PDB file of all heavy atoms in Angstrom:
ATOM      1  N   ALA A   1      91.078  -2.162-112.146  1.00  0.00           N
ATOM      2  CA  ALA A   1      89.885  -1.297-112.437  1.00  0.00           C
ATOM      3  C   ALA A   1      89.019  -1.186-111.179  1.00  0.00           C
ATOM      4  O   ALA A   1      89.156  -1.963-110.138  1.00  0.00           O
ATOM      5  CB  ALA A   1      89.089  -1.969-113.530  1.00  0.00           C
ATOM      6  N   VAL A   2      88.014  -0.356-111.175  1.00  0.00           N
ATOM      7  CA  VAL A   2      86.895  -0.371-110.243  1.00  0.00           C
ATOM      8  C   VAL A   2      85.891  -1.284-110.929  1.00  0.00           C
ATOM      9  O   VAL A   2      85.498  -1.227-112.107  1.00  0.00           O
ATOM     10  CB  VAL A   2      86.240   1.051-110.051  1.00  0.00           C
ATOM     11  CG1 VAL A   2      85.186   1.024-109.129  1.00  0.00           C
ATOM     12  CG2 VAL A   2      87.407   1.968-109.483  1.00  0.00           C
ATOM     13  N   TYR A   3      85.488  -2.334-110.131  1.00  0.00           N
ATOM     14  CA  TYR A   3      84.515  -3.211-110.625  1.00  0.00           C
ATOM     15  C   TYR A   3      83.175  -2.957-109.958  1.00  0.00           C
ATOM     16  O   TYR A   3      83.003  -2.888-108.787  1.00  0.00           O
ATOM     17  CB  TYR A   3      84.971  -4.687-110.321  1.00  0.00           C
ATOM     18  CG  TYR A   3      86.085  -5.187-111.172  1.00  0.00           C
ATOM     19  CD1 TYR A   3      87.400  -4.718-111.047  1.00  0.00           C
ATOM     20  CD2 TYR A   3      85.806  -6.126-112.189  1.00  0.00           C
ATOM     21  CE1 TYR A   3      88.407  -5.130-111.851  1.00  0.00           C
ATOM     22  CE2 TYR A   3      86.892  -6.571-113.055  1.00  0.00           C
ATOM     23  CZ  TYR A   3      88.155  -6.019-112.814  1.00  0.00           C
ATOM     24  OH  TYR A   3      89.145  -6.513-113.637  1.00  0.00           O
ATOM     25  N   PHE A   4      82.112  -2.976-110.842  1.00  0.00           N
ATOM     26  CA  PHE A   4      80.798  -2.707-110.425  1.00  0.00           C
ATOM     27  C   PHE A   4      79.888  -3.861-110.747  1.00  0.00           C
ATOM     28  O   PHE A   4      80.067  -4.516-111.780  1.00  0.00           O
ATOM     29  CB  PHE A   4      80.136  -1.439-111.134  1.00  0.00           C
ATOM     30  CG  PHE A   4      80.848  -0.170-110.929  1.00  0.00           C
ATOM     31  CD1 PHE A   4      81.878   0.191-111.814  1.00  0.00           C
ATOM     32  CD2 PHE A   4      80.536   0.569-109.943  1.00  0.00           C
ATOM     33  CE1 PHE A   4      82.495   1.383-111.632  1.00  0.00           C
ATOM     34  CE2 PHE A   4      81.125   1.873-109.794  1.00  0.00           C
ATOM     35  CZ  PHE A   4      82.097   2.261-110.630  1.00  0.00           C
ATOM     36  N   CYS A   5      79.012  -4.195-109.888  1.00  0.00           N
ATOM     37  CA  CYS A   5      77.872  -5.133-110.191  1.00  0.00           C
ATOM     38  C   CYS A   5      76.687  -4.245-110.558  1.00  0.00           C
ATOM     39  O   CYS A   5      76.435  -3.259-109.787  1.00  0.00           O
ATOM     40  CB  CYS A   5      77.564  -6.133-109.203  1.00  0.00           C
ATOM     41  SG  CYS A   5      77.357  -5.684-107.532  1.00  0.00           S
ATOM     42  N   VAL A   6      75.878  -4.579-111.554  1.00  0.00           N
ATOM     43  CA  VAL A   6      74.818  -3.698-112.083  1.00  0.00           C
ATOM     44  C   VAL A   6      73.634  -4.659-112.479  1.00  0.00           C
ATOM     45  O   VAL A   6      73.854  -5.680-112.962  1.00  0.00           O
ATOM     46  CB  VAL A   6      75.258  -2.855-113.254  1.00  0.00           C
ATOM     47  CG1 VAL A   6      74.252  -1.955-113.801  1.00  0.00           C
ATOM     48  CG2 VAL A   6      76.590  -2.062-112.967  1.00  0.00           C
ATOM     49  N   ARG A   7      72.465  -4.040-112.248  1.00  0.00           N
ATOM     50  CA  ARG A   7      71.241  -4.619-112.759  1.00  0.00           C
ATOM     51  C   ARG A   7      70.885  -4.050-114.109  1.00  0.00           C
ATOM     52  O   ARG A   7      70.952  -2.799-114.260  1.00  0.00           O
ATOM     53  CB  ARG A   7      70.150  -4.485-111.872  1.00  0.00           C
ATOM     54  CG  ARG A   7      68.841  -5.338-112.176  1.00  0.00           C
ATOM     55  CD  ARG A   7      67.635  -5.267-111.282  1.00  0.00           C
ATOM     56  NE  ARG A   7      66.937  -4.095-111.452  1.00  0.00           N
ATOM     57  CZ  ARG A   7      65.694  -3.831-110.869  1.00  0.00           C
ATOM     58  NH1 ARG A   7      65.100  -4.772-110.162  1.00  0.00           N
ATOM     59  NH2 ARG A   7      64.992  -2.772-111.261  1.00  0.00           N
ATOM     60  N   SER A   8      70.388  -4.841-115.010  1.00  0.00           N
ATOM     61  CA  SER A   8      69.895  -4.413-116.326  1.00  0.00           C
ATOM     62  C   SER A   8      68.495  -4.849-116.442  1.00  0.00           C
ATOM     63  O   SER A   8      68.231  -5.987-116.290  1.00  0.00           O
ATOM     64  CB  SER A   8      70.880  -4.950-117.451  1.00  0.00           C
ATOM     65  OG  SER A   8      70.389  -4.468-118.738  1.00  0.00           O
ATOM     66  N   GLY A   9      67.684  -3.883-116.780  1.00  0.00           N
ATOM     67  CA  GLY A   9      66.264  -4.210-117.031  1.00  0.00           C
ATOM     68  C   GLY A   9      65.944  -4.696-118.469  1.00  0.00           C
ATOM     69  O   GLY A   9      66.736  -4.828-119.398  1.00  0.00           O
ATOM     70  N   PRO A  10      64.780  -5.081-118.815  1.00  0.00           N
ATOM     71  CA  PRO A  10      64.376  -5.639-120.063  1.00  0.00           C
ATOM     72  C   PRO A  10      64.725  -4.716-121.288  1.00  0.00           C
ATOM     73  O   PRO A  10      65.087  -5.200-122.365  1.00  0.00           O
ATOM     74  CB  PRO A  10      62.823  -5.768-120.005  1.00  0.00           C
ATOM     75  CG  PRO A  10      62.505  -5.756-118.489  1.00  0.00           C
ATOM     76  CD  PRO A  10      63.539  -4.909-117.864  1.00  0.00           C
ATOM     77  N   ALA A  11      64.691  -3.347-121.105  1.00  0.00           N
ATOM     78  CA  ALA A  11      65.064  -2.430-122.172  1.00  0.00           C
ATOM     79  C   ALA A  11      66.671  -2.269-122.237  1.00  0.00           C
ATOM     80  O   ALA A  11      67.100  -1.429-122.999  1.00  0.00           O
ATOM     81  CB  ALA A  11      64.397  -1.123-122.040  1.00  0.00           C
ATOM     82  N   GLY A  12      67.374  -2.843-121.417  1.00  0.00           N
ATOM     83  CA  GLY A  12      68.854  -2.696-121.326  1.00  0.00           C
ATOM     84  C   GLY A  12      69.427  -1.550-120.490  1.00  0.00           C
ATOM     85  O   GLY A  12      70.586  -1.337-120.454  1.00  0.00           O
ATOM     86  N   ALA A  13      68.452  -0.945-119.700  1.00  0.00           N
ATOM     87  CA  ALA A  13      68.939   0.144-118.768  1.00  0.00           C
ATOM     88  C   ALA A  13      69.634  -0.461-117.654  1.00  0.00           C
ATOM     89  O   ALA A  13      69.210  -1.351-117.006  1.00  0.00           O
ATOM     90  CB  ALA A  13      67.643   0.992-118.353  1.00  0.00           C
ATOM     91  N   TRP A  14      70.733   0.206-117.315  1.00  0.00           N
ATOM     92  CA  TRP A  14      71.462  -0.295-116.124  1.00  0.00           C
ATOM     93  C   TRP A  14      70.965   0.617-114.910  1.00  0.00           C
ATOM     94  O   TRP A  14      71.480   1.731-114.621  1.00  0.00           O
ATOM     95  CB  TRP A  14      72.961   0.082-116.274  1.00  0.00           C
ATOM     96  CG  TRP A  14      73.553  -0.763-117.419  1.00  0.00           C
ATOM     97  CD1 TRP A  14      72.891  -1.856-118.091  1.00  0.00           C
ATOM     98  CD2 TRP A  14      74.842  -0.672-118.013  1.00  0.00           C
ATOM     99  NE1 TRP A  14      73.773  -2.374-119.036  1.00  0.00           N
ATOM    100  CE2 TRP A  14      74.954  -1.586-119.008  1.00  0.00           C
ATOM    101  CE3 TRP A  14      75.947   0.272-117.775  1.00  0.00           C
ATOM    102  CZ2 TRP A  14      76.089  -1.729-119.910  1.00  0.00           C
ATOM    103  CZ3 TRP A  14      77.005   0.099-118.633  1.00  0.00           C
ATOM    104  CH2 TRP A  14      77.050  -0.935-119.691  1.00  0.00           C
ATOM    105  N   ASP A  15      69.911   0.097-114.327  1.00  0.00           N
ATOM    106  CA  ASP A  15      69.138   0.930-113.352  1.00  0.00           C
ATOM    107  C   ASP A  15      69.669   0.984-111.971  1.00  0.00           C
ATOM    108  O   ASP A  15      69.373   1.939-111.228  1.00  0.00           O
ATOM    109  CB  ASP A  15      67.718   0.549-113.408  1.00  0.00           C
ATOM    110  CG  ASP A  15      67.445  -0.948-113.071  1.00  0.00           C
ATOM    111  OD1 ASP A  15      68.354  -1.665-112.932  1.00  0.00           O
ATOM    112  OD2 ASP A  15      66.201  -1.409-113.238  1.00  0.00           O
ATOM    113  N   TYR A  16      70.416   0.034-111.454  1.00  0.00           N
ATOM    114  CA  TYR A  16      70.877  -0.126-110.194  1.00  0.00           C
ATOM    115  C   TYR A  16      72.359  -0.572-110.248  1.00  0.00           C
ATOM    116  O   TYR A  16      72.699  -1.494-110.873  1.00  0.00           O
ATOM    117  CB  TYR A  16      70.061  -0.984-109.158  1.00  0.00           C
ATOM    118  CG  TYR A  16      68.782  -0.406-108.903  1.00  0.00           C
ATOM    119  CD1 TYR A  16      67.586  -0.791-109.615  1.00  0.00           C
ATOM    120  CD2 TYR A  16      68.547   0.539-107.789  1.00  0.00           C
ATOM    121  CE1 TYR A  16      66.408  -0.305-109.316  1.00  0.00           C
ATOM    122  CE2 TYR A  16      67.356   1.014-107.546  1.00  0.00           C
ATOM    123  CZ  TYR A  16      66.246   0.687-108.203  1.00  0.00           C
ATOM    124  OH  TYR A  16      65.149   1.218-107.901  1.00  0.00           O
ATOM    125  N   TRP A  17      73.158   0.166-109.421  1.00  0.00           N
ATOM    126  CA  TRP A  17      74.554  -0.136-109.369  1.00  0.00           C
ATOM    127  C   TRP A  17      75.064  -0.307-107.989  1.00  0.00           C
ATOM    128  O   TRP A  17      74.582   0.240-107.048  1.00  0.00           O
ATOM    129  CB  TRP A  17      75.275   1.158-109.935  1.00  0.00           C
ATOM    130  CG  TRP A  17      75.192   1.412-111.439  1.00  0.00           C
ATOM    131  CD1 TRP A  17      74.050   1.778-112.058  1.00  0.00           C
ATOM    132  CD2 TRP A  17      76.192   1.435-112.375  1.00  0.00           C
ATOM    133  NE1 TRP A  17      74.308   2.006-113.412  1.00  0.00           N
ATOM    134  CE2 TRP A  17      75.560   1.718-113.665  1.00  0.00           C
ATOM    135  CE3 TRP A  17      77.644   1.285-112.384  1.00  0.00           C
ATOM    136  CZ2 TRP A  17      76.338   1.933-114.860  1.00  0.00           C
ATOM    137  CZ3 TRP A  17      78.364   1.318-113.474  1.00  0.00           C
ATOM    138  CH2 TRP A  17      77.691   1.668-114.659  1.00  0.00           C
ATOM    139  N   GLY A  18      76.128  -1.147-107.845  1.00  0.00           N
ATOM    140  CA  GLY A  18      76.812  -1.224-106.674  1.00  0.00           C
ATOM    141  C   GLY A  18      77.742  -0.030-106.472  1.00  0.00           C
ATOM    142  O   GLY A  18      77.842   0.818-107.527  1.00  0.00           O
ATOM    143  N   GLN A  19      78.270   0.186-105.433  1.00  0.00           N
ATOM    144  CA  GLN A  19      79.218   1.407-105.194  1.00  0.00           C
ATOM    145  C   GLN A  19      80.485   1.146-105.916  1.00  0.00           C
ATOM    146  O   GLN A  19      81.235   2.190-106.071  1.00  0.00           O
ATOM    147  CB  GLN A  19      79.485   1.601-103.757  1.00  0.00           C
ATOM    148  CG  GLN A  19      80.279   0.477-103.018  1.00  0.00           C
ATOM    149  CD  GLN A  19      80.366   0.744-101.580  1.00  0.00           C
ATOM    150  OE1 GLN A  19      79.411   0.670-100.819  1.00  0.00           O
ATOM    151  NE2 GLN A  19      81.640   0.985-101.157  1.00  0.00           N
ATOM    152  N   GLY A  20      80.900  -0.011-106.268  1.00  0.00           N
ATOM    153  CA  GLY A  20      82.090  -0.290-106.964  1.00  0.00           C
ATOM    154  C   GLY A  20      83.179  -0.661-105.944  1.00  0.00           C
ATOM    155  O   GLY A  20      83.212  -0.227-104.858  1.00  0.00           O
ATOM    156  N   THR A  21      84.041  -1.457-106.312  1.00  0.00           N
ATOM    157  CA  THR A  21      85.229  -1.880-105.553  1.00  0.00           C
ATOM    158  C   THR A  21      86.515  -1.872-106.321  1.00  0.00           C
ATOM    159  O   THR A  21      86.582  -2.307-107.660  1.00  0.00           O
ATOM    160  CB  THR A  21      84.965  -3.268-104.897  1.00  0.00           C
ATOM    161  OG1 THR A  21      86.027  -3.589-104.058  1.00  0.00           O
ATOM    162  CG2 THR A  21      84.991  -4.330-106.020  1.00  0.00           C
ATOM    163  N   GLN A  22      87.510  -1.258-105.924  1.00  0.00           N
ATOM    164  CA  GLN A  22      88.773  -1.074-106.454  1.00  0.00           C
ATOM    165  C   GLN A  22      89.508  -2.376-106.431  1.00  0.00           C
ATOM    166  O   GLN A  22      89.737  -2.964-105.235  1.00  0.00           O
ATOM    167  CB  GLN A  22      89.681   0.033-105.857  1.00  0.00           C
ATOM    168  CG  GLN A  22      91.003   0.124-106.451  1.00  0.00           C
ATOM    169  CD  GLN A  22      91.093   0.762-107.808  1.00  0.00           C
ATOM    170  OE1 GLN A  22      90.312   1.617-108.132  1.00  0.00           O
ATOM    171  NE2 GLN A  22      91.828   0.155-108.732  1.00  0.00           N
ATOM    172  N   VAL A  23      89.909  -2.878-107.490  1.00  0.00           N
ATOM    173  CA  VAL A  23      90.860  -4.043-107.590  1.00  0.00           C
ATOM    174  C   VAL A  23      92.141  -3.726-108.260  1.00  0.00           C
ATOM    175  O   VAL A  23      92.097  -3.215-109.395  1.00  0.00           O
ATOM    176  CB  VAL A  23      90.198  -5.244-108.334  1.00  0.00           C
ATOM    177  CG1 VAL A  23      91.119  -6.399-108.313  1.00  0.00           C
ATOM    178  CG2 VAL A  23      88.847  -5.650-107.616  1.00  0.00           C
ATOM    179  N   ASN A  24      93.258  -3.889-107.575  1.00  0.00           N
ATOM    180  CA  ASN A  24      94.537  -3.606-108.164  1.00  0.00           C
ATOM    181  C   ASN A  24      95.261  -4.848-108.422  1.00  0.00           C
ATOM    182  O   ASN A  24      95.288  -5.791-107.650  1.00  0.00           O
ATOM    183  CB  ASN A  24      95.422  -2.810-107.185  1.00  0.00           C
ATOM    184  CG  ASN A  24      94.839  -1.396-107.011  1.00  0.00           C
ATOM    185  OD1 ASN A  24      94.498  -0.695-107.980  1.00  0.00           O
ATOM    186  ND2 ASN A  24      94.811  -0.918-105.727  1.00  0.00           N
ATOM    187  N   VAL A  25      95.767  -5.013-109.633  1.00  0.00           N
ATOM    188  CA  VAL A  25      96.558  -6.099-110.063  1.00  0.00           C
ATOM    189  C   VAL A  25      98.025  -5.698-110.142  1.00  0.00           C
ATOM    190  O   VAL A  25      98.409  -4.948-110.843  1.00  0.00           O
ATOM    191  CB  VAL A  25      96.120  -6.786-111.381  1.00  0.00           C
ATOM    192  CG1 VAL A  25      97.000  -7.939-111.849  1.00  0.00           C
ATOM    193  CG2 VAL A  25      94.679  -7.148-111.361  1.00  0.00           C
TER     194      VAL A  25
END
């Protein structure tokens, strides 16, 4: 998958995202 790290605020909004990184198994 493409794996993202993300910030979530108090209301649950995913407001900031990393660009994502592809991981192949």
